[in-house]
Amino acid sequence: MKTEFLKELGLSQEQINKIMAENGKDIAAEQAKTTVKDGELTKANETIKGLQEAVKKFDGVDIDKLKQLAAERAKAENIRKEYTLKEALKGLGVLDPDYLIFKQGGLEKFAFADGKPVGLEDITKPYKEKSPHLFHQDESKPLLKTGLSHQGGQESTSDKKEAANAAFRSLFGKGE
């Protein structure tokens, strides 16, 4: 707004000064709003540029191949976990780790920390009590009723055959 226009309307200089001051306040308020919006627009443009640069990094990348690679890595990680778990279970005396894993509900039912299974003693304890045949027996105990005993965890094939034959003889009432 120009002061000449206000003078033509017949306003005094004091009135014109008040009008101009009020108009100046309105203009300053609108300029502040514009400055805020300009800042938001600048930030949005910077974000867009950053996203465009990030997208350019993946330009030409086969998404399906990446998904397949991720699935293969997950499968390999599960295989590694499974073998680690089986070895740990064997270390606790489990004769058939696959069966125990199945009975527990699968690999995902076991906890792992730093790639190693944790809490196996707590998991195997009920099985040791209810199903001791799933675990290595104390080596000093005799094998079946034949008087044979494990020797250093090694038992010959003939010892196993003899133990099986003795078990059959006892079942069918034939003496030893």
C-alpha atoms as a PDB file:
ATOM      1  CA  MET A   1       0.000   0.000   0.000  1.00  0.00           C
ATOM      2  CA  LYS A   2       1.331   3.419  -0.928  1.00  0.00           C
ATOM      3  CA  THR A   3       1.047   6.565   1.177  1.00  0.00           C
ATOM      4  CA  GLU A   4       0.040   8.616  -1.900  1.00  0.00           C
ATOM      5  CA  PHE A   5      -3.102   6.547  -2.201  1.00  0.00           C
ATOM      6  CA  LEU A   6      -3.980   7.202   1.444  1.00  0.00           C
ATOM      7  CA  LYS A   7      -3.292  10.955   1.055  1.00  0.00           C
ATOM      8  CA  GLU A   8      -5.684  11.074  -1.887  1.00  0.00           C
ATOM      9  CA  LEU A   9      -8.349   9.631   0.404  1.00  0.00           C
ATOM     10  CA  GLY A  10      -7.930  12.650   2.627  1.00  0.00           C
ATOM     11  CA  LEU A  11      -6.308  10.974   5.614  1.00  0.00           C
ATOM     12  CA  SER A  12      -3.954  12.841   7.934  1.00  0.00           C
ATOM     13  CA  GLN A  13      -0.270  11.869   8.185  1.00  0.00           C
ATOM     14  CA  GLU A  14      -0.870  10.442  11.661  1.00  0.00           C
ATOM     15  CA  GLN A  15      -3.655   8.181  10.363  1.00  0.00           C
ATOM     16  CA  ILE A  16      -1.509   7.145   7.413  1.00  0.00           C
ATOM     17  CA  ASN A  17       1.365   6.254   9.761  1.00  0.00           C
ATOM     18  CA  LYS A  18      -0.926   4.080  11.907  1.00  0.00           C
ATOM     19  CA  ILE A  19      -2.347   2.324   8.847  1.00  0.00           C
ATOM     20  CA  MET A  20       1.141   1.738   7.426  1.00  0.00           C
ATOM     21  CA  ALA A  21       2.390   0.349  10.775  1.00  0.00           C
ATOM     22  CA  GLU A  22      -0.538  -2.069  10.991  1.00  0.00           C
ATOM     23  CA  ASN A  23      -0.019  -3.089   7.378  1.00  0.00           C
ATOM     24  CA  GLY A  24       3.675  -3.650   8.119  1.00  0.00           C
ATOM     25  CA  LYS A  25       2.764  -6.020  10.983  1.00  0.00           C
ATOM     26  CA  ASP A  26       0.530  -8.049   8.649  1.00  0.00           C
ATOM     27  CA  ILE A  27       3.253  -8.224   6.008  1.00  0.00           C
ATOM     28  CA  ALA A  28       5.845  -9.352   8.613  1.00  0.00           C
ATOM     29  CA  ALA A  29       3.506 -12.104   9.868  1.00  0.00           C
ATOM     30  CA  GLU A  30       2.959 -13.390   6.328  1.00  0.00           C
ATOM     31  CA  GLN A  31       6.701 -13.248   5.619  1.00  0.00           C
ATOM     32  CA  ALA A  32       7.353 -15.385   8.734  1.00  0.00           C
ATOM     33  CA  LYS A  33       4.824 -17.958   7.505  1.00  0.00           C
ATOM     34  CA  THR A  34       6.485 -17.969   4.100  1.00  0.00           C
ATOM     35  CA  THR A  35       9.926 -18.435   5.681  1.00  0.00           C
ATOM     36  CA  VAL A  36       8.675 -21.464   7.631  1.00  0.00           C
ATOM     37  CA  LYS A  37       7.133 -22.972   4.483  1.00  0.00           C
ATOM     38  CA  ASP A  38      10.335 -22.287   2.536  1.00  0.00           C
ATOM     39  CA  GLY A  39      12.300 -24.199   5.207  1.00  0.00           C
ATOM     40  CA  GLU A  40       9.890 -27.119   5.022  1.00  0.00           C
ATOM     41  CA  LEU A  41      10.119 -27.133   1.239  1.00  0.00           C
ATOM     42  CA  THR A  42      13.933 -27.096   1.364  1.00  0.00           C
ATOM     43  CA  LYS A  43      13.954 -30.001   3.835  1.00  0.00           C
ATOM     44  CA  ALA A  44      11.497 -31.954   1.670  1.00  0.00           C
ATOM     45  CA  ASN A  45      13.653 -31.384  -1.422  1.00  0.00           C
ATOM     46  CA  GLU A  46      16.753 -32.586   0.452  1.00  0.00           C
ATOM     47  CA  THR A  47      14.868 -35.709   1.540  1.00  0.00           C
ATOM     48  CA  ILE A  48      13.760 -36.362  -2.031  1.00  0.00           C
ATOM     49  CA  LYS A  49      17.335 -36.000  -3.296  1.00  0.00           C
ATOM     50  CA  GLY A  50      18.587 -38.393  -0.604  1.00  0.00           C
ATOM     51  CA  LEU A  51      15.933 -40.953  -1.489  1.00  0.00           C
ATOM     52  CA  GLN A  52      16.710 -40.629  -5.185  1.00  0.00           C
ATOM     53  CA  GLU A  53      20.399 -41.278  -4.460  1.00  0.00           C
ATOM     54  CA  ALA A  54      19.483 -44.301  -2.355  1.00  0.00           C
ATOM     55  CA  VAL A  55      17.283 -45.658  -5.137  1.00  0.00           C
ATOM     56  CA  LYS A  56      20.099 -45.169  -7.667  1.00  0.00           C
ATOM     57  CA  LYS A  57      22.258 -47.524  -5.584  1.00  0.00           C
ATOM     58  CA  PHE A  58      19.716 -50.284  -6.256  1.00  0.00           C
ATOM     59  CA  ASP A  59      19.234 -49.409  -9.913  1.00  0.00           C
ATOM     60  CA  GLY A  60      19.559 -52.611 -11.930  1.00  0.00           C
ATOM     61  CA  VAL A  61      19.393 -54.878  -8.871  1.00  0.00           C
ATOM     62  CA  ASP A  62      17.168 -57.911  -9.279  1.00  0.00           C
ATOM     63  CA  ILE A  63      14.747 -57.879  -6.344  1.00  0.00           C
ATOM     64  CA  ASP A  64      13.741 -61.521  -6.864  1.00  0.00           C
ATOM     65  CA  LYS A  65      17.393 -62.524  -6.805  1.00  0.00           C
ATOM     66  CA  LEU A  66      17.869 -60.610  -3.542  1.00  0.00           C
ATOM     67  CA  LYS A  67      14.844 -62.365  -2.045  1.00  0.00           C
ATOM     68  CA  GLN A  68      16.189 -65.733  -3.176  1.00  0.00           C
ATOM     69  CA  LEU A  69      19.606 -64.938  -1.726  1.00  0.00           C
ATOM     70  CA  ALA A  70      18.023 -63.927   1.589  1.00  0.00           C
ATOM     71  CA  ALA A  71      16.010 -67.164   1.646  1.00  0.00           C
ATOM     72  CA  GLU A  72      19.138 -69.192   0.913  1.00  0.00           C
ATOM     73  CA  ARG A  73      21.022 -67.443   3.703  1.00  0.00           C
ATOM     74  CA  ALA A  74      18.182 -68.125   6.134  1.00  0.00           C
ATOM     75  CA  LYS A  75      18.151 -71.772   5.066  1.00  0.00           C
ATOM     76  CA  ALA A  76      21.923 -72.016   5.509  1.00  0.00           C
ATOM     77  CA  GLU A  77      21.645 -70.397   8.942  1.00  0.00           C
ATOM     78  CA  ASN A  78      18.966 -72.926   9.943  1.00  0.00           C
ATOM     79  CA  ILE A  79      21.149 -75.796   8.738  1.00  0.00           C
ATOM     80  CA  ARG A  80      24.082 -74.430  10.730  1.00  0.00           C
ATOM     81  CA  LYS A  81      21.863 -74.089  13.808  1.00  0.00           C
ATOM     82  CA  GLU A  82      20.516 -77.603  13.327  1.00  0.00           C
ATOM     83  CA  TYR A  83      23.973 -79.171  13.165  1.00  0.00           C
ATOM     84  CA  THR A  84      25.166 -77.123  16.129  1.00  0.00           C
ATOM     85  CA  LEU A  85      22.096 -78.214  18.092  1.00  0.00           C
ATOM     86  CA  LYS A  86      22.554 -81.877  17.154  1.00  0.00           C
ATOM     87  CA  GLU A  87      26.196 -81.811  18.229  1.00  0.00           C
ATOM     88  CA  ALA A  88      25.271 -80.176  21.534  1.00  0.00           C
ATOM     89  CA  LEU A  89      22.536 -82.751  22.142  1.00  0.00           C
ATOM     90  CA  LYS A  90      24.948 -85.581  21.339  1.00  0.00           C
ATOM     91  CA  GLY A  91      27.325 -84.022  23.845  1.00  0.00           C
ATOM     92  CA  LEU A  92      24.572 -84.346  26.453  1.00  0.00           C
ATOM     93  CA  GLY A  93      24.218 -88.058  25.662  1.00  0.00           C
ATOM     94  CA  VAL A  94      21.217 -87.955  23.340  1.00  0.00           C
ATOM     95  CA  LEU A  95      21.251 -90.999  21.056  1.00  0.00           C
ATOM     96  CA  ASP A  96      18.834 -89.639  18.441  1.00  0.00           C
ATOM     97  CA  PRO A  97      18.966 -85.831  18.342  1.00  0.00           C
ATOM     98  CA  ASP A  98      16.584 -85.703  15.368  1.00  0.00           C
ATOM     99  CA  TYR A  99      13.869 -87.421  17.399  1.00  0.00           C
ATOM    100  CA  LEU A 100      14.351 -85.118  20.373  1.00  0.00           C
ATOM    101  CA  ILE A 101      14.223 -82.044  18.108  1.00  0.00           C
ATOM    102  CA  PHE A 102      11.014 -83.410  16.578  1.00  0.00           C
ATOM    103  CA  LYS A 103       9.480 -84.120  20.004  1.00  0.00           C
ATOM    104  CA  GLN A 104      10.368 -80.596  21.165  1.00  0.00           C
ATOM    105  CA  GLY A 105       8.498 -79.089  18.203  1.00  0.00           C
ATOM    106  CA  GLY A 106      11.267 -78.347  15.745  1.00  0.00           C
ATOM    107  CA  LEU A 107      14.368 -76.212  15.519  1.00  0.00           C
ATOM    108  CA  GLU A 108      12.463 -72.981  16.171  1.00  0.00           C
ATOM    109  CA  LYS A 109      11.557 -74.184  19.677  1.00  0.00           C
ATOM    110  CA  PHE A 110      15.201 -73.994  20.764  1.00  0.00           C
ATOM    111  CA  ALA A 111      16.895 -70.800  21.885  1.00  0.00           C
ATOM    112  CA  PHE A 112      20.244 -69.728  20.453  1.00  0.00           C
ATOM    113  CA  ALA A 113      22.739 -67.135  21.650  1.00  0.00           C
ATOM    114  CA  ASP A 114      25.762 -66.235  19.552  1.00  0.00           C
ATOM    115  CA  GLY A 115      24.895 -69.124  17.245  1.00  0.00           C
ATOM    116  CA  LYS A 116      24.948 -71.704  20.043  1.00  0.00           C
ATOM    117  CA  PRO A 117      21.962 -73.444  21.646  1.00  0.00           C
ATOM    118  CA  VAL A 118      21.154 -72.451  25.213  1.00  0.00           C
ATOM    119  CA  GLY A 119      19.097 -74.117  27.929  1.00  0.00           C
ATOM    120  CA  LEU A 120      19.537 -77.656  26.630  1.00  0.00           C
ATOM    121  CA  GLU A 121      19.969 -79.139  30.097  1.00  0.00           C
ATOM    122  CA  ASP A 122      16.541 -77.837  31.092  1.00  0.00           C
ATOM    123  CA  ILE A 123      15.013 -79.159  27.882  1.00  0.00           C
ATOM    124  CA  THR A 124      16.579 -82.642  28.094  1.00  0.00           C
ATOM    125  CA  LYS A 125      15.950 -83.190  31.818  1.00  0.00           C
ATOM    126  CA  PRO A 126      12.291 -84.289  31.438  1.00  0.00           C
ATOM    127  CA  TYR A 127      13.234 -86.600  28.574  1.00  0.00           C
ATOM    128  CA  LYS A 128      16.007 -88.190  30.663  1.00  0.00           C
ATOM    129  CA  GLU A 129      13.487 -88.907  33.403  1.00  0.00           C
ATOM    130  CA  LYS A 130      10.616 -90.124  31.210  1.00  0.00           C
ATOM    131  CA  SER A 131      12.559 -91.706  28.337  1.00  0.00           C
ATOM    132  CA  PRO A 132      16.018 -92.738  29.499  1.00  0.00           C
ATOM    133  CA  HIS A 133      16.358 -95.031  26.476  1.00  0.00           C
ATOM    134  CA  LEU A 134      16.914 -91.880  24.372  1.00  0.00           C
ATOM    135  CA  PHE A 135      20.205 -91.261  26.175  1.00  0.00           C
ATOM    136  CA  HIS A 136      23.513 -93.069  26.544  1.00  0.00           C
ATOM    137  CA  GLN A 137      23.306 -95.300  29.564  1.00  0.00           C
ATOM    138  CA  ASP A 138      25.891 -95.362  32.310  1.00  0.00           C
ATOM    139  CA  GLU A 139      28.778 -97.419  30.880  1.00  0.00           C
ATOM    140  CA  SER A 140      29.190 -99.443  34.063  1.00  0.00           C
ATOM    141  CA  LYS A 141      25.657-100.904  33.801  1.00  0.00           C
ATOM    142  CA  PRO A 142      25.325-104.273  32.045  1.00  0.00           C
ATOM    143  CA  LEU A 143      23.856-104.377  28.567  1.00  0.00           C
ATOM    144  CA  LEU A 144      20.539-106.292  28.600  1.00  0.00           C
ATOM    145  CA  LYS A 145      20.768-109.486  30.642  1.00  0.00           C
ATOM    146  CA  THR A 146      23.895-110.886  29.022  1.00  0.00           C
ATOM    147  CA  GLY A 147      26.459-109.533  31.432  1.00  0.00           C
ATOM    148  CA  LEU A 148      28.128-107.576  28.636  1.00  0.00           C
ATOM    149  CA  SER A 149      29.055-104.039  29.416  1.00  0.00           C
ATOM    150  CA  HIS A 150      30.074-101.048  27.363  1.00  0.00           C
ATOM    151  CA  GLN A 151      33.790-100.646  27.270  1.00  0.00           C
ATOM    152  CA  GLY A 152      34.908 -97.111  26.559  1.00  0.00           C
ATOM    153  CA  GLY A 153      31.811 -96.464  24.511  1.00  0.00           C
ATOM    154  CA  GLN A 154      33.044 -99.045  21.952  1.00  0.00           C
ATOM    155  CA  GLU A 155      31.161-102.250  21.501  1.00  0.00           C
ATOM    156  CA  SER A 156      32.011-104.783  18.825  1.00  0.00           C
ATOM    157  CA  THR A 157      29.489-106.082  16.318  1.00  0.00           C
ATOM    158  CA  SER A 158      29.772-109.581  17.742  1.00  0.00           C
ATOM    159  CA  ASP A 159      28.957-108.222  21.227  1.00  0.00           C
ATOM    160  CA  LYS A 160      25.858-106.529  19.838  1.00  0.00           C
ATOM    161  CA  LYS A 161      24.785-109.714  18.041  1.00  0.00           C
ATOM    162  CA  GLU A 162      25.335-111.762  21.175  1.00  0.00           C
ATOM    163  CA  ALA A 163      23.305-109.276  23.215  1.00  0.00           C
ATOM    164  CA  ALA A 164      20.470-109.389  20.682  1.00  0.00           C
ATOM    165  CA  ASN A 165      20.513-113.195  20.602  1.00  0.00           C
ATOM    166  CA  ALA A 166      20.445-113.340  24.383  1.00  0.00           C
ATOM    167  CA  ALA A 167      17.468-110.994  24.417  1.00  0.00           C
ATOM    168  CA  PHE A 168      15.593-113.177  21.931  1.00  0.00           C
ATOM    169  CA  ARG A 169      16.399-116.341  23.873  1.00  0.00           C
ATOM    170  CA  SER A 170      15.088-114.769  27.063  1.00  0.00           C
ATOM    171  CA  LEU A 171      11.912-113.638  25.311  1.00  0.00           C
ATOM    172  CA  PHE A 172      11.185-117.047  23.823  1.00  0.00           C
ATOM    173  CA  GLY A 173      12.004-118.970  26.955  1.00  0.00           C
ATOM    174  CA  LYS A 174      15.139-120.601  25.671  1.00  0.00           C
ATOM    175  CA  GLY A 175      17.973-120.677  28.145  1.00  0.00           C
ATOM    176  CA  GLU A 176      21.270-119.010  27.576  1.00  0.00           C
END
